[in-house]
């Protein structure tokens, strides 16, 4: 597994953990951090795909 894949998996797990903690405690800050982690995950994942498509 590449380092990029491991970072994406870790980011997804972090987002899920923050969502869980945010919903359980009602803390908006945790929920906001989860949204940021998820956005980072999707931008990195889709950015990699777009980059691969442009190589062909």
PDB file of N, CA and C in Angstrom:
ATOM      1  N   UNK A   1       0.834  -1.169   0.000  1.00  0.00           N
ATOM      2  CA  UNK A   1       0.000   0.000   0.000  1.00  0.00           C
ATOM      3  C   UNK A   1       0.885   1.240   0.000  1.00  0.00           C
ATOM      4  N   UNK A   2       0.510   2.195  -0.825  1.00  0.00           N
ATOM      5  CA  UNK A   2       1.319   3.402  -0.917  1.00  0.00           C
ATOM      6  C   UNK A   2       1.065   4.327   0.274  1.00  0.00           C
ATOM      7  N   UNK A   3       1.969   5.248   0.457  1.00  0.00           N
ATOM      8  CA  UNK A   3       1.850   6.197   1.561  1.00  0.00           C
ATOM      9  C   UNK A   3       0.605   7.067   1.372  1.00  0.00           C
ATOM     10  N   UNK A   4       0.308   7.420   0.137  1.00  0.00           N
ATOM     11  CA  UNK A   4      -0.874   8.240  -0.150  1.00  0.00           C
ATOM     12  C   UNK A   4      -2.158   7.514   0.261  1.00  0.00           C
ATOM     13  N   UNK A   5      -2.223   6.222  -0.020  1.00  0.00           N
ATOM     14  CA  UNK A   5      -3.391   5.427   0.347  1.00  0.00           C
ATOM     15  C   UNK A   5      -3.543   5.365   1.862  1.00  0.00           C
ATOM     16  N   UNK A   6      -2.444   5.173   2.557  1.00  0.00           N
ATOM     17  CA  UNK A   6      -2.494   5.125   4.022  1.00  0.00           C
ATOM     18  C   UNK A   6      -2.960   6.456   4.616  1.00  0.00           C
ATOM     19  N   UNK A   7      -2.514   7.549   4.045  1.00  0.00           N
ATOM     20  CA  UNK A   7      -2.934   8.871   4.521  1.00  0.00           C
ATOM     21  C   UNK A   7      -4.432   9.068   4.279  1.00  0.00           C
ATOM     22  N   UNK A   8      -4.919   8.638   3.119  1.00  0.00           N
ATOM     23  CA  UNK A   8      -6.347   8.767   2.832  1.00  0.00           C
ATOM     24  C   UNK A   8      -7.186   7.928   3.779  1.00  0.00           C
ATOM     25  N   UNK A   9      -6.742   6.717   4.073  1.00  0.00           N
ATOM     26  CA  UNK A   9      -7.471   5.855   5.013  1.00  0.00           C
ATOM     27  C   UNK A   9      -7.469   6.479   6.405  1.00  0.00           C
ATOM     28  N   UNK A  10      -6.318   6.974   6.841  1.00  0.00           N
ATOM     29  CA  UNK A  10      -6.221   7.602   8.156  1.00  0.00           C
ATOM     30  C   UNK A  10      -7.103   8.847   8.237  1.00  0.00           C
ATOM     31  N   UNK A  11      -7.167   9.626   7.170  1.00  0.00           N
ATOM     32  CA  UNK A  11      -8.002  10.825   7.151  1.00  0.00           C
ATOM     33  C   UNK A  11      -9.482  10.455   7.224  1.00  0.00           C
ATOM     34  N   UNK A  12      -9.877   9.409   6.513  1.00  0.00           N
ATOM     35  CA  UNK A  12     -11.275   8.961   6.563  1.00  0.00           C
ATOM     36  C   UNK A  12     -11.638   8.476   7.966  1.00  0.00           C
ATOM     37  N   UNK A  13     -10.757   7.733   8.602  1.00  0.00           N
ATOM     38  CA  UNK A  13     -10.999   7.256   9.963  1.00  0.00           C
ATOM     39  C   UNK A  13     -11.073   8.432  10.936  1.00  0.00           C
ATOM     40  N   UNK A  14     -10.189   9.402  10.762  1.00  0.00           N
ATOM     41  CA  UNK A  14     -10.207  10.599  11.605  1.00  0.00           C
ATOM     42  C   UNK A  14     -11.535  11.338  11.454  1.00  0.00           C
ATOM     43  N   UNK A  15     -12.003  11.502  10.232  1.00  0.00           N
ATOM     44  CA  UNK A  15     -13.270  12.195  10.004  1.00  0.00           C
ATOM     45  C   UNK A  15     -14.419  11.457  10.687  1.00  0.00           C
ATOM     46  N   UNK A  16     -14.445  10.142  10.548  1.00  0.00           N
ATOM     47  CA  UNK A  16     -15.512   9.364  11.190  1.00  0.00           C
ATOM     48  C   UNK A  16     -15.460   9.495  12.709  1.00  0.00           C
ATOM     49  N   UNK A  17     -14.269   9.455  13.270  1.00  0.00           N
ATOM     50  CA  UNK A  17     -14.119   9.594  14.717  1.00  0.00           C
ATOM     51  C   UNK A  17     -14.576  10.978  15.186  1.00  0.00           C
ATOM     52  N   UNK A  18     -14.222  12.002  14.426  1.00  0.00           N
ATOM     53  CA  UNK A  18     -14.638  13.359  14.795  1.00  0.00           C
ATOM     54  C   UNK A  18     -16.141  13.544  14.657  1.00  0.00           C
ATOM     55  N   UNK A  19     -16.739  12.974  13.614  1.00  0.00           N
ATOM     56  CA  UNK A  19     -18.194  13.030  13.475  1.00  0.00           C
ATOM     57  C   UNK A  19     -18.863  12.360  14.673  1.00  0.00           C
ATOM     58  N   UNK A  20     -18.377  11.188  15.040  1.00  0.00           N
ATOM     59  CA  UNK A  20     -18.948  10.452  16.162  1.00  0.00           C
ATOM     60  C   UNK A  20     -18.847  11.265  17.455  1.00  0.00           C
ATOM     61  N   UNK A  21     -17.666  11.801  17.716  1.00  0.00           N
ATOM     62  CA  UNK A  21     -17.468  12.595  18.928  1.00  0.00           C
ATOM     63  C   UNK A  21     -18.310  13.871  18.900  1.00  0.00           C
ATOM     64  N   UNK A  22     -18.400  14.492  17.728  1.00  0.00           N
ATOM     65  CA  UNK A  22     -19.184  15.722  17.605  1.00  0.00           C
ATOM     66  C   UNK A  22     -20.665  15.494  17.826  1.00  0.00           C
ATOM     67  N   UNK A  23     -21.198  14.422  17.254  1.00  0.00           N
ATOM     68  CA  UNK A  23     -22.610  14.127  17.448  1.00  0.00           C
ATOM     69  C   UNK A  23     -22.906  13.706  18.884  1.00  0.00           C
ATOM     70  N   UNK A  24     -22.006  12.948  19.466  1.00  0.00           N
ATOM     71  CA  UNK A  24     -22.222  12.444  20.829  1.00  0.00           C
ATOM     72  C   UNK A  24     -22.175  13.576  21.856  1.00  0.00           C
ATOM     73  N   UNK A  25     -21.229  14.491  21.696  1.00  0.00           N
ATOM     74  CA  UNK A  25     -21.069  15.572  22.674  1.00  0.00           C
ATOM     75  C   UNK A  25     -21.820  16.834  22.281  1.00  0.00           C
ATOM     76  N   UNK A  26     -22.221  16.937  21.016  1.00  0.00           N
ATOM     77  CA  UNK A  26     -22.904  18.144  20.560  1.00  0.00           C
ATOM     78  C   UNK A  26     -21.960  19.312  20.350  1.00  0.00           C
ATOM     79  N   UNK A  27     -20.691  19.036  20.224  1.00  0.00           N
ATOM     80  CA  UNK A  27     -19.692  20.083  20.054  1.00  0.00           C
ATOM     81  C   UNK A  27     -19.550  20.442  18.579  1.00  0.00           C
ATOM     82  N   UNK A  28     -19.863  21.676  18.267  1.00  0.00           N
ATOM     83  CA  UNK A  28     -19.810  22.137  16.882  1.00  0.00           C
ATOM     84  C   UNK A  28     -18.378  22.128  16.340  1.00  0.00           C
ATOM     85  N   UNK A  29     -17.412  22.398  17.198  1.00  0.00           N
ATOM     86  CA  UNK A  29     -16.013  22.441  16.763  1.00  0.00           C
ATOM     87  C   UNK A  29     -15.570  21.071  16.233  1.00  0.00           C
ATOM     88  N   UNK A  30     -15.932  20.010  16.934  1.00  0.00           N
ATOM     89  CA  UNK A  30     -15.572  18.667  16.471  1.00  0.00           C
ATOM     90  C   UNK A  30     -16.250  18.347  15.145  1.00  0.00           C
ATOM     91  N   UNK A  31     -17.501  18.742  15.028  1.00  0.00           N
ATOM     92  CA  UNK A  31     -18.225  18.522  13.781  1.00  0.00           C
ATOM     93  C   UNK A  31     -17.556  19.296  12.642  1.00  0.00           C
ATOM     94  N   UNK A  32     -17.153  20.533  12.912  1.00  0.00           N
ATOM     95  CA  UNK A  32     -16.464  21.346  11.902  1.00  0.00           C
ATOM     96  C   UNK A  32     -15.131  20.736  11.488  1.00  0.00           C
ATOM     97  N   UNK A  33     -14.388  20.212  12.450  1.00  0.00           N
ATOM     98  CA  UNK A  33     -13.125  19.545  12.140  1.00  0.00           C
ATOM     99  C   UNK A  33     -13.356  18.290  11.299  1.00  0.00           C
ATOM    100  N   UNK A  34     -14.441  17.584  11.564  1.00  0.00           N
ATOM    101  CA  UNK A  34     -14.781  16.395  10.781  1.00  0.00           C
ATOM    102  C   UNK A  34     -15.075  16.782   9.333  1.00  0.00           C
ATOM    103  N   UNK A  35     -15.785  17.865   9.150  1.00  0.00           N
ATOM    104  CA  UNK A  35     -16.088  18.340   7.791  1.00  0.00           C
ATOM    105  C   UNK A  35     -14.794  18.692   7.062  1.00  0.00           C
ATOM    106  N   UNK A  36     -13.895  19.365   7.742  1.00  0.00           N
ATOM    107  CA  UNK A  36     -12.615  19.715   7.119  1.00  0.00           C
ATOM    108  C   UNK A  36     -11.806  18.474   6.764  1.00  0.00           C
ATOM    109  N   UNK A  37     -11.784  17.484   7.654  1.00  0.00           N
ATOM    110  CA  UNK A  37     -11.061  16.243   7.374  1.00  0.00           C
ATOM    111  C   UNK A  37     -11.673  15.517   6.177  1.00  0.00           C
ATOM    112  N   UNK A  38     -13.004  15.512   6.107  1.00  0.00           N
ATOM    113  CA  UNK A  38     -13.666  14.854   4.987  1.00  0.00           C
ATOM    114  C   UNK A  38     -13.400  15.591   3.680  1.00  0.00           C
ATOM    115  N   UNK A  39     -13.436  16.903   3.707  1.00  0.00           N
ATOM    116  CA  UNK A  39     -13.132  17.678   2.501  1.00  0.00           C
ATOM    117  C   UNK A  39     -11.706  17.414   2.021  1.00  0.00           C
ATOM    118  N   UNK A  40     -10.758  17.352   2.948  1.00  0.00           N
ATOM    119  CA  UNK A  40      -9.379  17.037   2.587  1.00  0.00           C
ATOM    120  C   UNK A  40      -9.308  15.673   1.913  1.00  0.00           C
ATOM    121  N   UNK A  41     -10.008  14.690   2.496  1.00  0.00           N
ATOM    122  CA  UNK A  41     -10.033  13.340   1.937  1.00  0.00           C
ATOM    123  C   UNK A  41     -10.546  13.359   0.499  1.00  0.00           C
ATOM    124  N   UNK A  42     -11.695  13.994   0.269  1.00  0.00           N
ATOM    125  CA  UNK A  42     -12.287  13.982  -1.067  1.00  0.00           C
ATOM    126  C   UNK A  42     -11.451  14.757  -2.074  1.00  0.00           C
ATOM    127  N   UNK A  43     -10.899  15.899  -1.679  1.00  0.00           N
ATOM    128  CA  UNK A  43     -10.062  16.663  -2.605  1.00  0.00           C
ATOM    129  C   UNK A  43      -8.811  15.889  -2.987  1.00  0.00           C
ATOM    130  N   UNK A  44      -8.213  15.203  -2.033  1.00  0.00           N
ATOM    131  CA  UNK A  44      -7.021  14.397  -2.342  1.00  0.00           C
ATOM    132  C   UNK A  44      -7.386  13.203  -3.213  1.00  0.00           C
ATOM    133  N   UNK A  45      -8.495  12.544  -2.907  1.00  0.00           N
ATOM    134  CA  UNK A  45      -8.907  11.374  -3.668  1.00  0.00           C
ATOM    135  C   UNK A  45      -9.283  11.758  -5.090  1.00  0.00           C
ATOM    136  N   UNK A  46     -10.097  12.775  -5.261  1.00  0.00           N
ATOM    137  CA  UNK A  46     -10.522  13.189  -6.594  1.00  0.00           C
ATOM    138  C   UNK A  46      -9.403  13.879  -7.354  1.00  0.00           C
ATOM    139  N   UNK A  47      -8.535  14.565  -6.636  1.00  0.00           N
ATOM    140  CA  UNK A  47      -7.389  15.205  -7.277  1.00  0.00           C
ATOM    141  C   UNK A  47      -6.456  14.178  -7.888  1.00  0.00           C
ATOM    142  N   UNK A  48      -6.284  13.051  -7.209  1.00  0.00           N
ATOM    143  CA  UNK A  48      -5.436  11.975  -7.726  1.00  0.00           C
ATOM    144  C   UNK A  48      -6.055  11.370  -8.983  1.00  0.00           C
ATOM    145  N   UNK A  49      -7.350  11.166  -8.974  1.00  0.00           N
ATOM    146  CA  UNK A  49      -8.036  10.615 -10.143  1.00  0.00           C
ATOM    147  C   UNK A  49      -7.938  11.550 -11.333  1.00  0.00           C
ATOM    148  N   UNK A  50      -8.186  12.818 -11.108  1.00  0.00           N
ATOM    149  CA  UNK A  50      -8.147  13.805 -12.188  1.00  0.00           C
ATOM    150  C   UNK A  50      -6.742  13.871 -12.791  1.00  0.00           C
ATOM    151  N   UNK A  51      -5.741  13.807 -11.948  1.00  0.00           N
ATOM    152  CA  UNK A  51      -4.351  13.826 -12.397  1.00  0.00           C
ATOM    153  C   UNK A  51      -4.054  12.599 -13.261  1.00  0.00           C
ATOM    154  N   UNK A  52      -4.553  11.416 -12.838  1.00  0.00           N
ATOM    155  CA  UNK A  52      -4.340  10.203 -13.602  1.00  0.00           C
ATOM    156  C   UNK A  52      -5.033  10.275 -14.970  1.00  0.00           C
ATOM    157  N   UNK A  53      -6.239  10.848 -15.014  1.00  0.00           N
ATOM    158  CA  UNK A  53      -6.984  10.963 -16.264  1.00  0.00           C
ATOM    159  C   UNK A  53      -6.273  11.882 -17.260  1.00  0.00           C
ATOM    160  N   UNK A  54      -5.632  12.920 -16.771  1.00  0.00           N
ATOM    161  CA  UNK A  54      -4.977  13.868 -17.675  1.00  0.00           C
ATOM    162  C   UNK A  54      -3.677  13.320 -18.243  1.00  0.00           C
ATOM    163  N   UNK A  55      -3.126  12.263 -17.636  1.00  0.00           N
ATOM    164  CA  UNK A  55      -1.889  11.676 -18.142  1.00  0.00           C
ATOM    165  C   UNK A  55      -2.115  10.918 -19.435  1.00  0.00           C
ATOM    166  N   UNK A  56      -3.337  10.421 -19.673  1.00  0.00           N
ATOM    167  CA  UNK A  56      -3.614   9.609 -20.861  1.00  0.00           C
ATOM    168  C   UNK A  56      -3.898  10.443 -22.034  1.00  0.00           C
TER     169      UNK A  56
END
